[in-house]
N, C-alpha and C. Protein backbone atom coordinates (compact mmCIF):
# COMPACT_ATOMS: atom_id res chain seq x y z
N MET A 1 -14.76 -35.32 -64.33
CA MET A 1 -13.57 -36.00 -64.42
C MET A 1 -13.23 -36.60 -63.12
N THR A 2 -12.68 -37.72 -63.20
CA THR A 2 -12.38 -38.42 -61.92
C THR A 2 -10.94 -38.64 -61.84
N TYR A 3 -10.27 -38.24 -60.74
CA TYR A 3 -8.81 -38.43 -60.42
C TYR A 3 -8.72 -39.63 -59.60
N THR A 4 -7.80 -40.46 -60.06
CA THR A 4 -7.36 -41.60 -59.24
C THR A 4 -6.04 -41.41 -58.65
N TYR A 5 -5.96 -41.73 -57.36
CA TYR A 5 -4.74 -41.64 -56.56
C TYR A 5 -4.12 -43.04 -56.53
N ARG A 6 -2.94 -43.17 -56.97
CA ARG A 6 -2.25 -44.42 -56.95
C ARG A 6 -1.22 -44.43 -55.85
N ARG A 7 -1.47 -45.42 -54.86
CA ARG A 7 -0.47 -45.53 -53.78
C ARG A 7 0.70 -46.38 -54.29
N GLY A 8 1.89 -46.11 -53.62
CA GLY A 8 3.15 -46.77 -53.88
C GLY A 8 4.02 -45.91 -54.54
N PHE A 9 4.95 -46.55 -55.14
CA PHE A 9 5.99 -45.80 -55.86
C PHE A 9 5.66 -45.48 -57.29
N PRO A 10 6.09 -44.44 -57.90
CA PRO A 10 5.63 -44.06 -59.20
C PRO A 10 6.23 -44.93 -60.25
N ALA A 11 7.35 -45.56 -59.96
CA ALA A 11 7.95 -46.39 -61.05
C ALA A 11 7.30 -47.78 -61.01
N GLY A 12 7.03 -48.36 -62.13
CA GLY A 12 6.40 -49.55 -62.24
C GLY A 12 7.40 -50.74 -62.13
N ASN A 13 8.70 -50.39 -62.16
CA ASN A 13 9.75 -51.40 -62.10
C ASN A 13 9.97 -51.80 -60.65
N PRO A 14 9.89 -53.07 -60.26
CA PRO A 14 10.27 -53.44 -58.84
C PRO A 14 11.64 -53.25 -58.50
N ILE A 15 12.55 -53.43 -59.38
CA ILE A 15 14.00 -53.28 -59.16
C ILE A 15 14.35 -51.78 -58.93
N ALA A 16 13.66 -50.86 -59.55
CA ALA A 16 13.90 -49.39 -59.35
C ALA A 16 13.29 -49.09 -57.94
N ASN A 17 12.13 -49.63 -57.58
CA ASN A 17 11.51 -49.40 -56.41
C ASN A 17 12.46 -49.82 -55.25
N ALA A 18 13.05 -51.00 -55.33
CA ALA A 18 13.95 -51.57 -54.32
C ALA A 18 15.29 -50.67 -54.23
N LEU A 19 15.80 -50.09 -55.40
CA LEU A 19 16.86 -49.36 -55.45
C LEU A 19 16.64 -47.98 -54.66
N VAL A 20 15.42 -47.42 -54.86
CA VAL A 20 15.06 -46.19 -54.32
C VAL A 20 14.91 -46.33 -52.78
N ILE A 21 14.36 -47.60 -52.30
CA ILE A 21 14.39 -47.87 -50.83
C ILE A 21 15.76 -47.94 -50.26
N VAL A 22 16.67 -48.65 -51.03
CA VAL A 22 18.07 -48.87 -50.40
C VAL A 22 18.76 -47.53 -50.37
N VAL A 23 18.72 -46.86 -51.47
CA VAL A 23 19.39 -45.51 -51.48
C VAL A 23 18.84 -44.52 -50.45
N GLY A 24 17.57 -44.57 -50.21
CA GLY A 24 16.94 -43.69 -49.29
C GLY A 24 17.24 -44.07 -47.88
N ALA A 25 17.43 -45.41 -47.60
CA ALA A 25 17.76 -45.86 -46.23
C ALA A 25 19.27 -45.54 -46.02
N LEU A 26 20.11 -45.68 -47.00
CA LEU A 26 21.58 -45.24 -46.89
C LEU A 26 21.77 -43.81 -46.73
N ALA A 27 20.97 -42.98 -47.37
CA ALA A 27 21.02 -41.49 -47.12
C ALA A 27 20.59 -41.21 -45.67
N ILE A 28 19.53 -41.71 -45.27
CA ILE A 28 19.10 -41.47 -43.85
C ILE A 28 20.20 -41.86 -42.84
N ALA A 29 20.69 -43.22 -43.01
CA ALA A 29 21.66 -43.63 -42.13
C ALA A 29 22.91 -42.74 -42.16
N ALA A 30 23.35 -42.28 -43.34
CA ALA A 30 24.52 -41.41 -43.48
C ALA A 30 24.34 -40.12 -42.76
N SER A 31 23.10 -39.55 -42.90
CA SER A 31 22.83 -38.28 -42.23
C SER A 31 22.77 -38.43 -40.64
N ILE A 32 22.29 -39.59 -40.21
CA ILE A 32 22.32 -39.91 -38.77
C ILE A 32 23.73 -39.95 -38.22
N VAL A 33 24.51 -40.64 -39.02
CA VAL A 33 25.92 -40.78 -38.51
C VAL A 33 26.78 -39.53 -38.56
N VAL A 34 26.53 -38.72 -39.64
CA VAL A 34 27.18 -37.45 -39.73
C VAL A 34 26.71 -36.45 -38.69
N GLY A 35 25.50 -36.46 -38.37
CA GLY A 35 24.93 -35.66 -37.29
C GLY A 35 25.44 -36.07 -35.85
N PHE A 36 25.59 -37.44 -35.60
CA PHE A 36 26.05 -37.91 -34.46
C PHE A 36 27.52 -37.48 -34.25
N LEU A 37 28.36 -37.66 -35.36
CA LEU A 37 29.78 -37.15 -35.29
C LEU A 37 29.99 -35.76 -35.04
N ALA A 38 29.10 -35.06 -35.73
CA ALA A 38 29.13 -33.50 -35.42
C ALA A 38 28.79 -33.13 -33.99
N PHE A 39 27.79 -33.82 -33.41
CA PHE A 39 27.42 -33.65 -32.03
C PHE A 39 28.64 -34.05 -31.12
N VAL A 40 29.12 -35.18 -31.38
CA VAL A 40 30.27 -35.66 -30.47
C VAL A 40 31.47 -34.65 -30.65
N ILE A 41 31.84 -34.16 -31.70
CA ILE A 41 32.89 -33.23 -31.98
C ILE A 41 32.58 -31.97 -31.24
N LEU A 42 31.46 -31.39 -31.42
CA LEU A 42 31.10 -30.17 -30.68
C LEU A 42 31.00 -30.25 -29.20
N ALA A 43 30.47 -31.52 -28.73
CA ALA A 43 30.51 -31.82 -27.28
C ALA A 43 31.91 -31.87 -26.69
N SER A 44 32.75 -32.56 -27.34
CA SER A 44 34.11 -32.64 -26.89
C SER A 44 34.85 -31.28 -26.89
N LEU A 45 34.73 -30.46 -27.88
CA LEU A 45 35.17 -29.16 -27.85
C LEU A 45 34.64 -28.37 -26.72
N LEU A 46 33.37 -28.47 -26.53
CA LEU A 46 32.83 -27.74 -25.30
C LEU A 46 33.43 -28.25 -24.02
N ILE A 47 33.61 -29.57 -23.92
CA ILE A 47 34.20 -30.09 -22.68
C ILE A 47 35.59 -29.69 -22.47
N VAL A 48 36.43 -29.65 -23.53
CA VAL A 48 37.77 -29.24 -23.46
C VAL A 48 37.90 -27.71 -23.04
N PHE A 49 37.04 -26.89 -23.73
CA PHE A 49 37.03 -25.45 -23.45
C PHE A 49 36.64 -25.20 -21.99
N SER A 50 35.60 -25.89 -21.49
CA SER A 50 35.14 -25.68 -20.19
C SER A 50 36.34 -26.07 -19.25
N ALA A 51 37.03 -27.17 -19.50
CA ALA A 51 38.13 -27.60 -18.61
C ALA A 51 39.21 -26.63 -18.59
N ILE A 52 39.55 -26.11 -19.78
CA ILE A 52 40.62 -25.04 -19.83
C ILE A 52 40.18 -23.79 -18.92
N VAL A 53 38.95 -23.31 -19.18
CA VAL A 53 38.53 -22.17 -18.38
C VAL A 53 38.47 -22.45 -16.92
N GLY A 54 37.93 -23.61 -16.56
CA GLY A 54 37.89 -23.97 -15.12
C GLY A 54 39.28 -24.13 -14.49
N ILE A 55 40.28 -24.65 -15.16
CA ILE A 55 41.62 -24.68 -14.63
C ILE A 55 42.25 -23.39 -14.53
N ARG A 56 42.00 -22.48 -15.49
CA ARG A 56 42.57 -21.24 -15.42
C ARG A 56 41.89 -20.30 -14.25
N LEU A 57 40.54 -20.56 -14.10
CA LEU A 57 40.03 -19.83 -12.88
C LEU A 57 40.48 -20.35 -11.59
N TRP A 58 40.72 -21.68 -11.51
CA TRP A 58 41.13 -22.25 -10.29
C TRP A 58 42.47 -21.79 -10.04
N TRP A 59 43.48 -21.69 -11.02
CA TRP A 59 44.74 -21.24 -10.84
C TRP A 59 44.86 -19.76 -10.43
N PHE A 60 43.99 -18.90 -11.09
CA PHE A 60 43.83 -17.50 -10.73
C PHE A 60 43.38 -17.23 -9.37
N ARG A 61 42.40 -17.99 -8.91
CA ARG A 61 41.88 -17.85 -7.56
C ARG A 61 42.90 -18.35 -6.48
N ARG A 62 43.65 -19.41 -6.83
CA ARG A 62 44.65 -19.96 -5.97
C ARG A 62 45.78 -18.89 -5.83
N LYS A 63 46.20 -18.22 -6.88
CA LYS A 63 47.13 -17.28 -6.84
C LYS A 63 46.63 -16.01 -6.03
N MET A 64 45.45 -15.63 -6.20
CA MET A 64 44.96 -14.51 -5.50
C MET A 64 44.83 -14.86 -3.97
N ARG A 65 44.40 -16.05 -3.67
CA ARG A 65 44.34 -16.50 -2.25
C ARG A 65 45.74 -16.49 -1.52
N LYS A 66 46.71 -16.91 -2.26
CA LYS A 66 48.04 -16.93 -1.72
C LYS A 66 48.54 -15.50 -1.53
N ALA A 67 48.28 -14.63 -2.51
CA ALA A 67 48.62 -13.29 -2.31
C ALA A 67 47.88 -12.55 -1.15
N ASN A 68 46.75 -12.84 -1.04
CA ASN A 68 45.90 -12.30 0.10
C ASN A 68 46.41 -12.81 1.49
N ASP A 69 46.60 -14.11 1.53
CA ASP A 69 47.12 -14.66 2.79
C ASP A 69 48.53 -14.06 3.18
N ALA A 70 49.48 -13.92 2.09
CA ALA A 70 50.72 -13.22 2.40
C ALA A 70 50.65 -11.83 2.86
N ALA A 71 49.60 -11.16 2.23
CA ALA A 71 49.44 -9.76 2.70
C ALA A 71 48.95 -9.64 4.09
N GLU A 72 47.98 -10.47 4.41
CA GLU A 72 47.55 -10.53 5.78
C GLU A 72 48.64 -10.83 6.85
N GLU A 73 49.43 -11.78 6.52
CA GLU A 73 50.48 -12.25 7.48
C GLU A 73 51.64 -11.20 7.46
N GLY A 74 51.75 -10.47 6.48
CA GLY A 74 52.89 -9.39 6.49
C GLY A 74 54.15 -9.98 5.94
N GLY A 75 53.99 -11.19 5.30
CA GLY A 75 55.29 -11.89 4.80
C GLY A 75 55.66 -11.28 3.44
N ASP A 76 56.83 -11.69 2.95
CA ASP A 76 57.35 -11.26 1.67
C ASP A 76 57.13 -12.33 0.62
N SER A 77 56.37 -13.29 0.81
CA SER A 77 56.33 -14.50 0.00
C SER A 77 55.47 -14.24 -1.28
N GLY A 78 54.54 -13.25 -1.18
CA GLY A 78 53.65 -12.98 -2.33
C GLY A 78 54.10 -11.67 -3.07
N PRO A 79 53.45 -11.30 -4.10
CA PRO A 79 53.77 -10.08 -4.82
C PRO A 79 53.02 -9.00 -4.11
N ARG A 80 53.67 -7.81 -4.00
CA ARG A 80 52.96 -6.72 -3.39
C ARG A 80 52.20 -5.91 -4.41
N VAL A 81 51.24 -5.36 -3.95
CA VAL A 81 50.28 -4.53 -4.78
C VAL A 81 51.01 -3.06 -5.03
N HIS A 82 51.39 -2.49 -3.89
CA HIS A 82 51.96 -1.18 -3.90
C HIS A 82 53.47 -1.32 -3.54
N ARG A 83 54.29 -0.65 -4.34
CA ARG A 83 55.65 -0.62 -3.85
C ARG A 83 56.09 0.87 -3.90
N ILE A 84 56.94 1.20 -2.93
CA ILE A 84 57.38 2.59 -2.83
C ILE A 84 58.97 2.55 -3.02
N ILE A 85 59.40 3.34 -3.81
CA ILE A 85 60.80 3.51 -4.10
C ILE A 85 61.25 4.83 -3.50
N GLU A 86 62.25 4.71 -2.56
CA GLU A 86 62.76 5.93 -1.91
C GLU A 86 64.12 6.27 -2.48
N GLY A 87 64.31 7.53 -2.61
CA GLY A 87 65.65 7.97 -3.10
C GLY A 87 65.74 9.49 -3.06
N GLU A 88 66.93 9.95 -3.50
CA GLU A 88 67.24 11.39 -3.64
C GLU A 88 67.43 11.73 -5.13
N TYR A 89 67.11 12.98 -5.31
CA TYR A 89 67.46 13.41 -6.68
C TYR A 89 67.99 14.75 -6.72
N HIS A 90 68.89 15.03 -7.77
CA HIS A 90 69.40 16.40 -7.83
C HIS A 90 69.11 16.90 -9.27
N ILE A 91 68.68 18.23 -9.39
CA ILE A 91 68.43 18.81 -10.63
C ILE A 91 69.76 19.41 -11.20
N VAL A 92 70.10 18.93 -12.23
CA VAL A 92 71.36 19.36 -12.90
C VAL A 92 71.02 20.27 -14.10
N VAL A 93 71.49 21.52 -14.05
CA VAL A 93 71.29 22.42 -15.10
C VAL A 93 72.53 22.58 -15.77
N GLU A 94 72.36 22.43 -17.03
CA GLU A 94 73.61 22.49 -17.98
C GLU A 94 73.71 23.90 -18.43
N GLU A 95 74.86 24.43 -18.20
CA GLU A 95 75.12 25.85 -18.60
C GLU A 95 76.00 25.74 -19.80
N ARG A 96 75.56 26.49 -20.82
CA ARG A 96 76.26 26.41 -22.13
C ARG A 96 76.92 27.98 -22.41
N GLU A 97 78.05 27.92 -22.88
CA GLU A 97 78.67 29.16 -23.18
C GLU A 97 78.27 29.61 -24.58
N GLU A 98 77.79 30.79 -24.62
CA GLU A 98 77.39 31.37 -25.85
C GLU A 98 78.54 32.13 -26.57
N ARG A 99 78.76 31.81 -27.81
CA ARG A 99 80.02 32.52 -28.38
C ARG A 99 79.48 33.75 -29.24
């Protein structure tokens, strides 16, 4: 037995062959566009998230630096880490009359 391999498209109709080529090209183009859009969306989300984290870290470091500078100078401009509340207290014992 001899097997023959036929190159080309399996359909003998040239209109069907052209339609297969057009539909295949459109499918490939659509997948490239959707992939590019997904990449752009993910990259923009990553950039926004990185910017938010960067701004938050910058703000936190700035706040810590101001608190450290104020503590070194002895000024009252920054929040204190330790606070001592002084005062007096009296123990009040309530006496009840038993009947």
